[in-house]
Amino acid sequence: DYKVLRESLVNESFQKYLNEKDMSNVPINLKALKSLRELKVNYPIIDSIYLVRYTDQSVLSLGTIAKISDYGDHQFINSYIEQRSSQWTDGRLFREFPNQGEKEVVSLTRPVPFYSKSKGFLVVNVSLESLHKGILEMYDPEVSYVRLLDRNGNEVYKEPVNQEKVQVLTRLTSNYTGWTIESGFIKSNFRRIMESIN
């Protein structure tokens, strides 16, 4: 989020792209595309990223440049334009092209430029699969249990264990995302818990 916010403030390629009105200006498009690609390379957790321009209602992503109405994620784009809510979304389905399967992601949207009247916005998608893998690296699923809930109480991440064998010790809601995390021990694995502690 910090990096995306910074790019919305200082990235000249994004500013020039958003000031342009012609989708066919290849040099401007390529420079903005390069900046998008660098963000994705520097932050591997990013699954996909794109830039929306208000002047001609266009979208520039790593895979295409198109009108909003022709882009696979147009419903999400239109809902942002109506609400202008800059925060992480709950889990949602994303598809860039009609022949692609839908992917579960959480998305961050930031207006560009951030400091004045925006001329467009940046959308960063993180796949829930990547998020799950990152969480799984943080604990031993044979010993402890983690459940992540979105703002509406839907499960973003849940380790597949029998609820009756779980002892929830901690519950915390983030002021940043509005998500709640629960964690605790698996009751039936006391011996493994002691080995883990040792």
C-alpha atoms as a PDB file:
ATOM      1  CA  ASP A   1       0.000   0.000   0.000  1.00  0.00           C
ATOM      2  CA  TYR A   2       2.824   2.405   0.916  1.00  0.00           C
ATOM      3  CA  LYS A   3       4.645   1.698  -2.343  1.00  0.00           C
ATOM      4  CA  VAL A   4       1.483   2.095  -4.432  1.00  0.00           C
ATOM      5  CA  LEU A   5       0.715   5.372  -2.653  1.00  0.00           C
ATOM      6  CA  ARG A   6       4.236   6.610  -3.321  1.00  0.00           C
ATOM      7  CA  GLU A   7       3.995   5.706  -7.007  1.00  0.00           C
ATOM      8  CA  SER A   8       0.694   7.592  -7.246  1.00  0.00           C
ATOM      9  CA  LEU A   9       2.525  10.679  -5.990  1.00  0.00           C
ATOM     10  CA  VAL A  10       5.841  10.620  -7.846  1.00  0.00           C
ATOM     11  CA  ASN A  11       5.699   8.305 -10.874  1.00  0.00           C
ATOM     12  CA  GLU A  12       6.127  10.506 -13.964  1.00  0.00           C
ATOM     13  CA  SER A  13       5.181   7.700 -16.358  1.00  0.00           C
ATOM     14  CA  PHE A  14       1.785   7.366 -14.706  1.00  0.00           C
ATOM     15  CA  GLN A  15       1.274  11.152 -14.731  1.00  0.00           C
ATOM     16  CA  LYS A  16       2.103  11.396 -18.443  1.00  0.00           C
ATOM     17  CA  TYR A  17      -0.149   8.450 -19.280  1.00  0.00           C
ATOM     18  CA  LEU A  18      -3.081   9.984 -17.403  1.00  0.00           C
ATOM     19  CA  ASN A  19      -2.542  13.373 -19.097  1.00  0.00           C
ATOM     20  CA  GLU A  20      -2.677  11.712 -22.541  1.00  0.00           C
ATOM     21  CA  LYS A  21      -5.973  11.384 -24.436  1.00  0.00           C
ATOM     22  CA  ASP A  22      -4.924   9.043 -27.238  1.00  0.00           C
ATOM     23  CA  MET A  23      -4.845   5.280 -26.624  1.00  0.00           C
ATOM     24  CA  SER A  24      -2.530   4.829 -29.616  1.00  0.00           C
ATOM     25  CA  ASN A  25       0.379   6.877 -28.173  1.00  0.00           C
ATOM     26  CA  VAL A  26       2.784   3.932 -27.991  1.00  0.00           C
ATOM     27  CA  PRO A  27       5.794   5.602 -26.242  1.00  0.00           C
ATOM     28  CA  ILE A  28       3.595   6.948 -23.414  1.00  0.00           C
ATOM     29  CA  ASN A  29       1.845   3.572 -23.066  1.00  0.00           C
ATOM     30  CA  LEU A  30       5.134   1.651 -22.961  1.00  0.00           C
ATOM     31  CA  LYS A  31       6.630   3.844 -20.233  1.00  0.00           C
ATOM     32  CA  ALA A  32       3.556   3.433 -18.032  1.00  0.00           C
ATOM     33  CA  LEU A  33       3.560  -0.304 -18.791  1.00  0.00           C
ATOM     34  CA  LYS A  34       7.199  -0.533 -17.704  1.00  0.00           C
ATOM     35  CA  SER A  35       6.320   1.104 -14.368  1.00  0.00           C
ATOM     36  CA  LEU A  36       3.455  -1.342 -13.828  1.00  0.00           C
ATOM     37  CA  ARG A  37       5.760  -4.263 -14.603  1.00  0.00           C
ATOM     38  CA  GLU A  38       8.410  -2.985 -12.155  1.00  0.00           C
ATOM     39  CA  LEU A  39       5.839  -2.844  -9.367  1.00  0.00           C
ATOM     40  CA  LYS A  40       4.813  -6.437 -10.040  1.00  0.00           C
ATOM     41  CA  VAL A  41       8.429  -7.651 -10.219  1.00  0.00           C
ATOM     42  CA  ASN A  42       9.394  -5.873  -6.983  1.00  0.00           C
ATOM     43  CA  TYR A  43       6.366  -7.243  -5.142  1.00  0.00           C
ATOM     44  CA  PRO A  44       5.781 -10.882  -6.224  1.00  0.00           C
ATOM     45  CA  ILE A  45       2.598 -11.089  -4.127  1.00  0.00           C
ATOM     46  CA  ILE A  46       0.954  -8.840  -6.764  1.00  0.00           C
ATOM     47  CA  ASP A  47      -1.029 -11.058  -9.105  1.00  0.00           C
ATOM     48  CA  SER A  48      -2.155  -8.370 -11.545  1.00  0.00           C
ATOM     49  CA  ILE A  49      -2.130  -4.598 -11.816  1.00  0.00           C
ATOM     50  CA  TYR A  50      -3.720  -2.001 -14.073  1.00  0.00           C
ATOM     51  CA  LEU A  51      -4.179   1.740 -14.549  1.00  0.00           C
ATOM     52  CA  VAL A  52      -7.505   3.377 -15.430  1.00  0.00           C
ATOM     53  CA  ARG A  53      -7.660   6.750 -17.240  1.00  0.00           C
ATOM     54  CA  TYR A  54     -10.748   8.927 -16.958  1.00  0.00           C
ATOM     55  CA  THR A  55     -10.278  11.122 -20.066  1.00  0.00           C
ATOM     56  CA  ASP A  56     -10.924   8.356 -22.592  1.00  0.00           C
ATOM     57  CA  GLN A  57     -12.268   5.651 -20.214  1.00  0.00           C
ATOM     58  CA  SER A  58      -9.331   3.345 -20.939  1.00  0.00           C
ATOM     59  CA  VAL A  59      -7.477   0.626 -19.040  1.00  0.00           C
ATOM     60  CA  LEU A  60      -3.770  -0.180 -19.313  1.00  0.00           C
ATOM     61  CA  SER A  61      -2.703  -3.526 -17.839  1.00  0.00           C
ATOM     62  CA  LEU A  62       0.280  -5.838 -18.277  1.00  0.00           C
ATOM     63  CA  GLY A  63      -1.728  -7.754 -20.882  1.00  0.00           C
ATOM     64  CA  THR A  64      -3.721  -5.173 -22.819  1.00  0.00           C
ATOM     65  CA  ILE A  65      -4.932  -1.637 -23.390  1.00  0.00           C
ATOM     66  CA  ALA A  66      -8.686  -1.371 -23.827  1.00  0.00           C
ATOM     67  CA  LYS A  67     -11.808   0.640 -23.143  1.00  0.00           C
ATOM     68  CA  ILE A  68     -13.305   0.085 -19.686  1.00  0.00           C
ATOM     69  CA  SER A  69     -16.434  -1.390 -21.252  1.00  0.00           C
ATOM     70  CA  ASP A  70     -14.339  -4.039 -23.061  1.00  0.00           C
ATOM     71  CA  TYR A  71     -12.136  -4.944 -20.106  1.00  0.00           C
ATOM     72  CA  GLY A  72     -12.886  -8.087 -18.101  1.00  0.00           C
ATOM     73  CA  ASP A  73     -12.903  -6.263 -14.742  1.00  0.00           C
ATOM     74  CA  HIS A  74     -15.218  -3.448 -15.878  1.00  0.00           C
ATOM     75  CA  GLN A  75     -17.843  -4.075 -13.169  1.00  0.00           C
ATOM     76  CA  PHE A  76     -15.289  -3.532 -10.403  1.00  0.00           C
ATOM     77  CA  ILE A  77     -13.947  -0.423 -12.172  1.00  0.00           C
ATOM     78  CA  ASN A  78     -17.411   1.084 -12.519  1.00  0.00           C
ATOM     79  CA  SER A  79     -18.246   0.387  -8.870  1.00  0.00           C
ATOM     80  CA  TYR A  80     -15.050   2.190  -7.812  1.00  0.00           C
ATOM     81  CA  ILE A  81     -15.852   5.189 -10.026  1.00  0.00           C
ATOM     82  CA  GLU A  82     -19.250   5.444  -8.309  1.00  0.00           C
ATOM     83  CA  GLN A  83     -17.988   5.037  -4.722  1.00  0.00           C
ATOM     84  CA  ARG A  84     -14.321   6.197  -4.838  1.00  0.00           C
ATOM     85  CA  SER A  85     -13.462   4.002  -1.853  1.00  0.00           C
ATOM     86  CA  SER A  86      -9.678   3.585  -1.516  1.00  0.00           C
ATOM     87  CA  GLN A  87      -9.146   0.551   0.668  1.00  0.00           C
ATOM     88  CA  TRP A  88      -8.495  -3.160   0.400  1.00  0.00           C
ATOM     89  CA  THR A  89     -11.538  -5.040  -0.809  1.00  0.00           C
ATOM     90  CA  ASP A  90     -12.801  -8.288   0.634  1.00  0.00           C
ATOM     91  CA  GLY A  91     -12.251 -11.381  -1.519  1.00  0.00           C
ATOM     92  CA  ARG A  92     -13.656 -11.041  -5.033  1.00  0.00           C
ATOM     93  CA  LEU A  93     -13.435 -12.746  -8.428  1.00  0.00           C
ATOM     94  CA  PHE A  94     -11.157 -11.237 -11.097  1.00  0.00           C
ATOM     95  CA  ARG A  95     -10.870 -12.020 -14.795  1.00  0.00           C
ATOM     96  CA  GLU A  96      -9.037  -9.909 -17.360  1.00  0.00           C
ATOM     97  CA  PHE A  97     -10.062 -11.702 -20.559  1.00  0.00           C
ATOM     98  CA  PRO A  98     -13.293 -13.590 -21.443  1.00  0.00           C
ATOM     99  CA  ASN A  99     -11.426 -16.855 -22.117  1.00  0.00           C
ATOM    100  CA  GLN A 100      -9.750 -16.842 -18.691  1.00  0.00           C
ATOM    101  CA  GLY A 101     -10.978 -18.568 -15.582  1.00  0.00           C
ATOM    102  CA  GLU A 102     -11.915 -16.359 -12.644  1.00  0.00           C
ATOM    103  CA  LYS A 103      -9.390 -15.956  -9.849  1.00  0.00           C
ATOM    104  CA  GLU A 104     -10.021 -15.053  -6.201  1.00  0.00           C
ATOM    105  CA  VAL A 105      -8.234 -11.825  -5.287  1.00  0.00           C
ATOM    106  CA  VAL A 106      -8.259  -8.936  -2.859  1.00  0.00           C
ATOM    107  CA  SER A 107      -7.734  -5.528  -4.455  1.00  0.00           C
ATOM    108  CA  LEU A 108      -6.273  -2.177  -3.474  1.00  0.00           C
ATOM    109  CA  THR A 109      -7.355   0.924  -5.401  1.00  0.00           C
ATOM    110  CA  ARG A 110      -5.525   4.261  -5.262  1.00  0.00           C
ATOM    111  CA  PRO A 111      -6.333   7.503  -7.129  1.00  0.00           C
ATOM    112  CA  VAL A 112      -3.562   8.976  -9.293  1.00  0.00           C
ATOM    113  CA  PRO A 113      -2.350  11.602  -8.646  1.00  0.00           C
ATOM    114  CA  PHE A 114      -3.119  11.171  -4.982  1.00  0.00           C
ATOM    115  CA  TYR A 115      -2.537  14.760  -3.845  1.00  0.00           C
ATOM    116  CA  SER A 116      -4.939  16.574  -6.206  1.00  0.00           C
ATOM    117  CA  LYS A 117      -7.934  15.933  -8.431  1.00  0.00           C
ATOM    118  CA  SER A 118      -7.326  12.427  -9.759  1.00  0.00           C
ATOM    119  CA  LYS A 119      -7.149  11.713 -13.471  1.00  0.00           C
ATOM    120  CA  GLY A 120      -7.439   7.983 -12.980  1.00  0.00           C
ATOM    121  CA  PHE A 121      -6.590   5.243 -10.546  1.00  0.00           C
ATOM    122  CA  LEU A 122      -4.367   2.239  -9.980  1.00  0.00           C
ATOM    123  CA  VAL A 123      -5.733  -1.209  -9.116  1.00  0.00           C
ATOM    124  CA  VAL A 124      -3.483  -3.825  -7.506  1.00  0.00           C
ATOM    125  CA  ASN A 125      -4.767  -7.401  -7.156  1.00  0.00           C
ATOM    126  CA  VAL A 126      -3.295  -9.942  -4.730  1.00  0.00           C
ATOM    127  CA  SER A 127      -4.413 -13.524  -5.236  1.00  0.00           C
ATOM    128  CA  LEU A 128      -5.947 -15.268  -2.224  1.00  0.00           C
ATOM    129  CA  GLU A 129      -3.876 -18.336  -3.116  1.00  0.00           C
ATOM    130  CA  SER A 130      -0.660 -16.341  -2.588  1.00  0.00           C
ATOM    131  CA  LEU A 131      -2.071 -14.946   0.633  1.00  0.00           C
ATOM    132  CA  HIS A 132      -2.872 -18.483   1.837  1.00  0.00           C
ATOM    133  CA  LYS A 133       0.668 -19.677   1.057  1.00  0.00           C
ATOM    134  CA  GLY A 134       2.146 -16.715   2.940  1.00  0.00           C
ATOM    135  CA  ILE A 135      -0.006 -17.390   5.999  1.00  0.00           C
ATOM    136  CA  LEU A 136       0.780 -21.121   5.934  1.00  0.00           C
ATOM    137  CA  GLU A 137       4.512 -20.362   6.192  1.00  0.00           C
ATOM    138  CA  MET A 138       3.928 -18.570   9.511  1.00  0.00           C
ATOM    139  CA  TYR A 139       2.744 -21.498  11.634  1.00  0.00           C
ATOM    140  CA  ASP A 140       2.595 -25.287  12.001  1.00  0.00           C
ATOM    141  CA  PRO A 141      -0.914 -26.420  10.893  1.00  0.00           C
ATOM    142  CA  GLU A 142      -0.548 -29.634  12.915  1.00  0.00           C
ATOM    143  CA  VAL A 143      -0.180 -27.625  16.106  1.00  0.00           C
ATOM    144  CA  SER A 144      -2.069 -24.375  15.682  1.00  0.00           C
ATOM    145  CA  TYR A 145      -5.061 -23.041  13.856  1.00  0.00           C
ATOM    146  CA  VAL A 146      -5.650 -19.784  11.944  1.00  0.00           C
ATOM    147  CA  ARG A 147      -8.837 -18.332  10.521  1.00  0.00           C
ATOM    148  CA  LEU A 148      -9.086 -15.002   8.676  1.00  0.00           C
ATOM    149  CA  LEU A 149     -12.474 -13.294   8.238  1.00  0.00           C
ATOM    150  CA  ASP A 150     -13.323 -10.323   6.028  1.00  0.00           C
ATOM    151  CA  ARG A 151     -15.437  -7.309   7.068  1.00  0.00           C
ATOM    152  CA  ASN A 152     -18.639  -9.266   6.399  1.00  0.00           C
ATOM    153  CA  GLY A 153     -17.557 -12.293   8.422  1.00  0.00           C
ATOM    154  CA  ASN A 154     -16.771 -14.424   5.349  1.00  0.00           C
ATOM    155  CA  GLU A 155     -13.748 -16.703   5.593  1.00  0.00           C
ATOM    156  CA  VAL A 156     -10.775 -15.386   3.633  1.00  0.00           C
ATOM    157  CA  TYR A 157      -8.556 -18.127   5.007  1.00  0.00           C
ATOM    158  CA  LYS A 158      -9.334 -21.170   7.111  1.00  0.00           C
ATOM    159  CA  GLU A 159      -7.201 -24.177   7.902  1.00  0.00           C
ATOM    160  CA  PRO A 160      -9.354 -27.283   7.205  1.00  0.00           C
ATOM    161  CA  VAL A 161      -9.642 -28.746  10.712  1.00  0.00           C
ATOM    162  CA  ASN A 162     -12.529 -30.055  12.789  1.00  0.00           C
ATOM    163  CA  GLN A 163     -13.978 -27.053  14.679  1.00  0.00           C
ATOM    164  CA  GLU A 164     -14.583 -29.208  17.763  1.00  0.00           C
ATOM    165  CA  LYS A 165     -10.843 -29.881  18.032  1.00  0.00           C
ATOM    166  CA  VAL A 166      -9.922 -26.200  17.955  1.00  0.00           C
ATOM    167  CA  GLN A 167      -9.299 -23.953  20.951  1.00  0.00           C
ATOM    168  CA  VAL A 168      -9.393 -20.281  19.849  1.00  0.00           C
ATOM    169  CA  LEU A 169      -7.040 -18.276  22.082  1.00  0.00           C
ATOM    170  CA  THR A 170      -6.717 -15.023  20.153  1.00  0.00           C
ATOM    171  CA  ARG A 171      -9.106 -12.889  18.129  1.00  0.00           C
ATOM    172  CA  LEU A 172      -8.015  -9.546  16.682  1.00  0.00           C
ATOM    173  CA  THR A 173      -9.667  -7.136  14.222  1.00  0.00           C
ATOM    174  CA  SER A 174      -7.416  -4.917  12.112  1.00  0.00           C
ATOM    175  CA  ASN A 175      -8.217  -1.199  11.987  1.00  0.00           C
ATOM    176  CA  TYR A 176      -6.435  -1.114   8.612  1.00  0.00           C
ATOM    177  CA  THR A 177      -8.373  -3.796   6.696  1.00  0.00           C
ATOM    178  CA  GLY A 178     -11.345  -4.432   8.952  1.00  0.00           C
ATOM    179  CA  TRP A 179     -10.497  -8.137   8.803  1.00  0.00           C
ATOM    180  CA  THR A 180     -10.477 -10.385  11.863  1.00  0.00           C
ATOM    181  CA  ILE A 181      -7.924 -13.083  12.579  1.00  0.00           C
ATOM    182  CA  GLU A 182      -8.494 -15.964  14.978  1.00  0.00           C
ATOM    183  CA  SER A 183      -5.802 -18.346  16.136  1.00  0.00           C
ATOM    184  CA  GLY A 184      -5.254 -21.036  18.705  1.00  0.00           C
ATOM    185  CA  PHE A 185      -4.183 -24.613  19.314  1.00  0.00           C
ATOM    186  CA  ILE A 186      -5.555 -27.867  17.962  1.00  0.00           C
ATOM    187  CA  LYS A 187      -6.715 -29.687  21.101  1.00  0.00           C
ATOM    188  CA  SER A 188      -5.997 -33.198  19.879  1.00  0.00           C
ATOM    189  CA  ASN A 189      -2.318 -32.521  19.271  1.00  0.00           C
ATOM    190  CA  PHE A 190      -1.031 -31.622  22.738  1.00  0.00           C
ATOM    191  CA  ARG A 191       2.104 -33.762  22.363  1.00  0.00           C
ATOM    192  CA  ARG A 192       3.016 -32.037  19.099  1.00  0.00           C
ATOM    193  CA  ILE A 193       2.372 -28.656  20.750  1.00  0.00           C
ATOM    194  CA  MET A 194       4.896 -29.450  23.500  1.00  0.00           C
ATOM    195  CA  GLU A 195       7.431 -30.649  20.930  1.00  0.00           C
ATOM    196  CA  SER A 196       6.913 -27.449  18.964  1.00  0.00           C
ATOM    197  CA  ILE A 197       7.425 -25.288  22.049  1.00  0.00           C
ATOM    198  CA  ASN A 198      10.596 -27.192  22.937  1.00  0.00           C
END
